[in-house]
N, C-alpha and C. Protein backbone atom coordinates (compact mmCIF):
# COMPACT_ATOMS: atom_id res chain seq x y z
N MET A 1 73.88 65.91 26.59
CA MET A 1 73.44 64.65 27.16
C MET A 1 72.68 63.84 26.12
N ALA A 2 73.10 62.63 25.94
CA ALA A 2 72.50 61.77 24.92
C ALA A 2 71.02 61.52 25.20
N GLU A 3 70.65 61.34 26.45
CA GLU A 3 69.25 61.04 26.79
C GLU A 3 68.34 62.20 26.43
N GLY A 4 68.79 63.42 26.70
CA GLY A 4 68.00 64.60 26.35
C GLY A 4 67.84 64.74 24.85
N ARG A 5 68.93 64.53 24.12
CA ARG A 5 68.85 64.62 22.66
C ARG A 5 67.94 63.54 22.09
N ALA A 6 68.03 62.34 22.65
CA ALA A 6 67.18 61.25 22.18
C ALA A 6 65.71 61.55 22.43
N LEU A 7 65.40 62.11 23.60
CA LEU A 7 64.02 62.46 23.90
C LEU A 7 63.52 63.54 22.95
N ARG A 8 64.35 64.55 22.70
CA ARG A 8 63.97 65.63 21.78
C ARG A 8 63.69 65.07 20.38
N GLU A 9 64.58 64.21 19.90
CA GLU A 9 64.40 63.62 18.56
C GLU A 9 63.15 62.75 18.51
N GLY A 10 62.95 61.95 19.56
CA GLY A 10 61.77 61.09 19.61
C GLY A 10 60.48 61.89 19.65
N LEU A 11 60.46 62.96 20.44
CA LEU A 11 59.27 63.82 20.51
C LEU A 11 58.97 64.44 19.15
N GLN A 12 60.01 64.92 18.49
CA GLN A 12 59.82 65.51 17.17
C GLN A 12 59.21 64.49 16.21
N ALA A 13 59.69 63.26 16.27
CA ALA A 13 59.18 62.21 15.38
C ALA A 13 57.72 61.89 15.66
N VAL A 14 57.35 61.76 16.93
CA VAL A 14 55.95 61.41 17.23
C VAL A 14 55.01 62.57 16.94
N ILE A 15 55.46 63.80 17.16
CA ILE A 15 54.63 64.96 16.83
C ILE A 15 54.45 65.05 15.33
N ASN A 16 55.53 64.84 14.57
CA ASN A 16 55.41 64.82 13.11
C ASN A 16 54.49 63.70 12.64
N GLY A 17 54.41 62.62 13.41
CA GLY A 17 53.52 61.51 13.08
C GLY A 17 52.08 61.74 13.50
N GLY A 18 51.81 62.88 14.14
CA GLY A 18 50.44 63.23 14.49
C GLY A 18 50.00 62.79 15.87
N TYR A 19 50.90 62.28 16.67
CA TYR A 19 50.54 61.84 18.02
C TYR A 19 50.55 63.03 18.97
N ARG A 20 49.52 63.11 19.82
CA ARG A 20 49.43 64.24 20.76
C ARG A 20 49.17 63.81 22.20
N ASN A 21 48.90 62.55 22.44
CA ASN A 21 48.73 62.01 23.79
C ASN A 21 49.90 61.08 24.06
N LEU A 22 50.79 61.50 24.94
CA LEU A 22 52.05 60.78 25.11
C LEU A 22 52.24 60.28 26.53
N GLU A 23 52.87 59.14 26.63
CA GLU A 23 53.32 58.58 27.89
C GLU A 23 54.81 58.38 27.76
N ILE A 24 55.58 59.16 28.49
CA ILE A 24 57.04 59.16 28.36
C ILE A 24 57.65 58.56 29.61
N GLU A 25 58.52 57.59 29.40
CA GLU A 25 59.27 56.98 30.50
C GLU A 25 60.75 57.10 30.18
N GLY A 26 61.52 57.50 31.17
CA GLY A 26 62.95 57.63 30.95
C GLY A 26 63.73 57.21 32.18
N ASP A 27 64.95 56.72 31.95
CA ASP A 27 65.75 56.26 33.07
C ASP A 27 66.80 57.27 33.52
N ASN A 28 66.81 58.46 32.93
CA ASN A 28 67.73 59.50 33.35
C ASN A 28 66.97 60.47 34.26
N MET A 29 67.14 60.29 35.57
CA MET A 29 66.40 61.06 36.56
C MET A 29 66.59 62.57 36.37
N LEU A 30 67.81 63.00 36.05
CA LEU A 30 68.09 64.42 35.91
C LEU A 30 67.26 65.04 34.78
N VAL A 31 67.22 64.39 33.63
CA VAL A 31 66.46 64.91 32.50
C VAL A 31 64.97 64.93 32.83
N ILE A 32 64.45 63.85 33.40
CA ILE A 32 63.03 63.78 33.74
C ILE A 32 62.67 64.89 34.73
N GLN A 33 63.46 65.04 35.79
CA GLN A 33 63.15 66.06 36.79
C GLN A 33 63.31 67.47 36.25
N ALA A 34 64.25 67.70 35.35
CA ALA A 34 64.41 69.02 34.74
C ALA A 34 63.20 69.37 33.90
N ILE A 35 62.67 68.41 33.16
CA ILE A 35 61.48 68.64 32.34
C ILE A 35 60.27 68.92 33.22
N GLN A 36 60.21 68.26 34.36
CA GLN A 36 59.09 68.42 35.29
C GLN A 36 59.27 69.63 36.21
N ASP A 37 60.32 70.40 36.03
CA ASP A 37 60.63 71.57 36.87
C ASP A 37 60.83 71.21 38.34
N LYS A 38 61.31 70.02 38.59
CA LYS A 38 61.58 69.59 39.97
C LYS A 38 63.00 69.94 40.40
N VAL A 39 63.86 70.20 39.44
CA VAL A 39 65.23 70.62 39.73
C VAL A 39 65.58 71.77 38.78
N GLN A 40 66.57 72.54 39.16
CA GLN A 40 67.05 73.58 38.27
C GLN A 40 67.70 72.90 37.06
N ILE A 41 67.42 73.42 35.90
CA ILE A 41 67.95 72.81 34.68
C ILE A 41 69.47 73.00 34.63
N PRO A 42 70.21 71.90 34.59
CA PRO A 42 71.68 72.01 34.49
C PRO A 42 72.08 72.69 33.18
N TRP A 43 73.12 73.47 33.22
CA TRP A 43 73.53 74.21 32.03
C TRP A 43 73.84 73.30 30.85
N GLN A 44 74.30 72.07 31.13
CA GLN A 44 74.67 71.16 30.05
C GLN A 44 73.47 70.77 29.18
N VAL A 45 72.28 70.76 29.75
CA VAL A 45 71.09 70.34 29.00
C VAL A 45 70.04 71.44 28.92
N HIS A 46 70.40 72.66 29.29
CA HIS A 46 69.43 73.75 29.36
C HIS A 46 68.68 73.94 28.04
N ASN A 47 69.41 74.12 26.95
CA ASN A 47 68.75 74.36 25.66
C ASN A 47 67.92 73.17 25.21
N ILE A 48 68.43 71.97 25.42
CA ILE A 48 67.69 70.77 25.03
C ILE A 48 66.39 70.66 25.82
N VAL A 49 66.45 70.91 27.14
CA VAL A 49 65.24 70.83 27.97
C VAL A 49 64.23 71.88 27.52
N LEU A 50 64.68 73.09 27.19
CA LEU A 50 63.75 74.12 26.71
C LEU A 50 63.10 73.69 25.40
N GLU A 51 63.87 73.07 24.51
CA GLU A 51 63.30 72.57 23.25
C GLU A 51 62.29 71.46 23.53
N ILE A 52 62.59 70.57 24.46
CA ILE A 52 61.67 69.49 24.83
C ILE A 52 60.37 70.07 25.37
N LYS A 53 60.48 71.07 26.23
CA LYS A 53 59.28 71.71 26.79
C LYS A 53 58.44 72.35 25.69
N GLY A 54 59.10 72.95 24.72
CA GLY A 54 58.37 73.53 23.59
C GLY A 54 57.63 72.47 22.79
N LEU A 55 58.25 71.33 22.59
CA LEU A 55 57.60 70.23 21.88
C LEU A 55 56.43 69.68 22.71
N LEU A 56 56.62 69.54 24.01
CA LEU A 56 55.56 69.02 24.88
C LEU A 56 54.35 69.95 24.89
N ALA A 57 54.60 71.25 24.72
CA ALA A 57 53.50 72.22 24.70
C ALA A 57 52.58 72.00 23.50
N GLN A 58 53.06 71.31 22.48
CA GLN A 58 52.25 71.02 21.29
C GLN A 58 51.34 69.80 21.50
N CYS A 59 51.49 69.14 22.63
CA CYS A 59 50.74 67.91 22.89
C CYS A 59 49.51 68.21 23.74
N LEU A 60 48.51 67.33 23.64
CA LEU A 60 47.28 67.48 24.40
C LEU A 60 47.41 66.94 25.81
N GLN A 61 48.00 65.77 25.92
CA GLN A 61 48.14 65.12 27.22
C GLN A 61 49.50 64.42 27.27
N VAL A 62 50.23 64.67 28.35
CA VAL A 62 51.56 64.09 28.49
C VAL A 62 51.73 63.58 29.91
N THR A 63 52.20 62.35 30.03
CA THR A 63 52.60 61.78 31.31
C THR A 63 54.09 61.49 31.21
N ILE A 64 54.84 61.99 32.18
CA ILE A 64 56.29 61.78 32.19
C ILE A 64 56.66 61.15 33.52
N ARG A 65 57.42 60.05 33.46
CA ARG A 65 57.84 59.44 34.72
C ARG A 65 59.21 58.77 34.57
N HIS A 66 59.90 58.72 35.69
CA HIS A 66 61.19 58.05 35.75
C HIS A 66 60.96 56.56 35.95
N ILE A 67 61.74 55.76 35.25
CA ILE A 67 61.75 54.32 35.45
C ILE A 67 63.20 53.89 35.59
N TYR A 68 63.41 52.76 36.22
CA TYR A 68 64.77 52.26 36.36
C TYR A 68 65.26 51.67 35.05
N ARG A 69 66.55 51.72 34.86
CA ARG A 69 67.17 51.24 33.62
C ARG A 69 66.76 49.80 33.29
N GLU A 70 66.59 48.97 34.31
CA GLU A 70 66.20 47.58 34.07
C GLU A 70 64.83 47.48 33.42
N ALA A 71 63.99 48.48 33.62
CA ALA A 71 62.65 48.48 33.02
C ALA A 71 62.65 49.18 31.67
N ASN A 72 63.79 49.60 31.21
CA ASN A 72 63.88 50.36 29.97
C ASN A 72 64.73 49.61 28.94
N LEU A 73 64.49 48.32 28.84
CA LEU A 73 65.32 47.47 27.98
C LEU A 73 65.25 47.85 26.51
N ALA A 74 64.08 48.25 26.03
CA ALA A 74 63.96 48.60 24.61
C ALA A 74 64.85 49.78 24.27
N ALA A 75 64.82 50.81 25.09
CA ALA A 75 65.67 51.98 24.85
C ALA A 75 67.14 51.61 24.94
N ASP A 76 67.49 50.79 25.90
CA ASP A 76 68.87 50.35 26.07
C ASP A 76 69.33 49.56 24.84
N TRP A 77 68.47 48.66 24.36
CA TRP A 77 68.83 47.86 23.19
C TRP A 77 69.00 48.76 21.96
N LEU A 78 68.07 49.71 21.77
CA LEU A 78 68.16 50.61 20.61
C LEU A 78 69.42 51.46 20.66
N SER A 79 69.78 51.91 21.86
CA SER A 79 70.99 52.70 22.01
C SER A 79 72.23 51.90 21.59
N LYS A 80 72.32 50.68 22.07
CA LYS A 80 73.46 49.83 21.72
C LYS A 80 73.46 49.50 20.23
N TYR A 81 72.28 49.21 19.69
CA TYR A 81 72.17 48.89 18.26
C TYR A 81 72.58 50.10 17.42
N GLY A 82 72.09 51.27 17.81
CA GLY A 82 72.41 52.49 17.08
C GLY A 82 73.90 52.77 17.03
N HIS A 83 74.61 52.42 18.08
CA HIS A 83 76.06 52.62 18.10
C HIS A 83 76.81 51.55 17.30
N SER A 84 76.13 50.47 16.96
CA SER A 84 76.80 49.38 16.25
C SER A 84 76.64 49.46 14.73
N VAL A 85 75.73 50.30 14.25
CA VAL A 85 75.52 50.39 12.80
C VAL A 85 76.24 51.63 12.27
N PRO A 86 76.77 51.54 11.04
CA PRO A 86 77.58 52.65 10.52
C PRO A 86 76.76 53.86 10.05
N THR A 87 75.46 53.69 9.84
CA THR A 87 74.64 54.80 9.35
C THR A 87 73.39 54.92 10.20
N ASN A 88 72.62 55.97 9.93
CA ASN A 88 71.34 56.13 10.62
C ASN A 88 70.40 55.02 10.19
N PHE A 89 69.43 54.71 11.04
CA PHE A 89 68.44 53.70 10.68
C PHE A 89 67.08 54.15 11.18
N LEU A 90 66.04 53.65 10.54
CA LEU A 90 64.68 53.92 10.97
C LEU A 90 64.22 52.75 11.83
N LEU A 91 63.47 53.07 12.87
CA LEU A 91 62.98 52.01 13.75
C LEU A 91 62.16 51.00 12.96
N SER A 92 61.41 51.47 11.97
CA SER A 92 60.59 50.55 11.18
C SER A 92 61.44 49.58 10.37
N GLU A 93 62.72 49.88 10.22
CA GLU A 93 63.63 49.00 9.48
C GLU A 93 64.31 47.98 10.40
N CYS A 94 64.07 48.09 11.68
CA CYS A 94 64.73 47.21 12.65
C CYS A 94 63.88 45.96 12.85
N HIS A 95 64.35 44.85 12.32
CA HIS A 95 63.61 43.59 12.39
C HIS A 95 64.31 42.55 13.26
N ALA A 96 65.18 43.00 14.15
CA ALA A 96 65.94 42.07 14.99
C ALA A 96 65.00 41.31 15.92
N PRO A 97 65.08 39.98 15.92
CA PRO A 97 64.22 39.18 16.80
C PRO A 97 64.38 39.54 18.28
N GLU A 98 65.61 39.85 18.69
CA GLU A 98 65.85 40.21 20.09
C GLU A 98 65.04 41.46 20.48
N PHE A 99 65.01 42.45 19.59
CA PHE A 99 64.25 43.67 19.87
C PHE A 99 62.76 43.39 19.91
N ARG A 100 62.28 42.58 18.97
CA ARG A 100 60.85 42.23 18.96
C ARG A 100 60.47 41.53 20.26
N ASN A 101 61.33 40.65 20.76
CA ASN A 101 61.06 39.95 22.02
C ASN A 101 60.97 40.93 23.19
N ILE A 102 61.86 41.90 23.23
CA ILE A 102 61.83 42.91 24.29
C ILE A 102 60.52 43.69 24.25
N ILE A 103 60.10 44.09 23.05
CA ILE A 103 58.85 44.84 22.90
C ILE A 103 57.66 43.98 23.33
N GLN A 104 57.64 42.72 22.93
CA GLN A 104 56.53 41.83 23.31
C GLN A 104 56.47 41.63 24.82
N GLU A 105 57.61 41.47 25.46
CA GLU A 105 57.64 41.31 26.92
C GLU A 105 57.13 42.57 27.60
N ASP A 106 57.54 43.72 27.09
CA ASP A 106 57.11 44.99 27.67
C ASP A 106 55.60 45.16 27.50
N TRP A 107 55.11 44.86 26.30
CA TRP A 107 53.67 44.98 26.02
C TRP A 107 52.85 44.05 26.91
N ALA A 108 53.40 42.89 27.20
CA ALA A 108 52.70 41.91 28.05
C ALA A 108 52.76 42.30 29.53
N GLY A 109 53.52 43.35 29.85
CA GLY A 109 53.59 43.81 31.23
C GLY A 109 54.57 43.05 32.10
N ARG A 110 55.43 42.29 31.47
CA ARG A 110 56.43 41.56 32.26
C ARG A 110 57.55 42.52 32.64
N THR A 111 57.89 42.54 33.89
CA THR A 111 58.92 43.46 34.36
C THR A 111 60.08 42.68 34.95
N LEU A 112 61.18 43.35 35.05
CA LEU A 112 62.37 42.77 35.67
C LEU A 112 62.44 43.26 37.11
N VAL A 113 62.93 42.42 37.97
CA VAL A 113 63.11 42.79 39.37
C VAL A 113 64.44 43.53 39.48
N ARG A 114 64.41 44.69 40.11
CA ARG A 114 65.64 45.46 40.32
C ARG A 114 66.45 44.79 41.41
N ARG A 115 67.70 44.54 41.12
CA ARG A 115 68.57 43.89 42.09
C ARG A 115 68.91 44.85 43.21
N GLY A 116 68.95 44.33 44.42
CA GLY A 116 69.29 45.16 45.59
C GLY A 116 70.74 45.58 45.56
N THR A 117 71.03 46.70 46.18
CA THR A 117 72.41 47.18 46.21
C THR A 117 73.01 46.95 47.57
């Protein structure tokens, strides 16, 4: 699962950067609930979830919560951008104005209204 691998890679990066107090938001309910032990870990992500739990054990304080995809625009944009470039890239190298705008809106607390189904 791409979301599980992305979380594992992101956790490794922030731990290597010295961060130990984390607030994690994700739009994949299955991965979030598996990490929180709310559901049995599906075999497809079992090893990844165990690795994530091992990384989380290295942290002092962790908050994990599910958010809707509409509230996760930065991750969505990065995912699409990552698939459009031919090589790996560092987030610090990403200077796209569209991404900066998404981050600024998120930091300002502006949210999107989830459309009714």
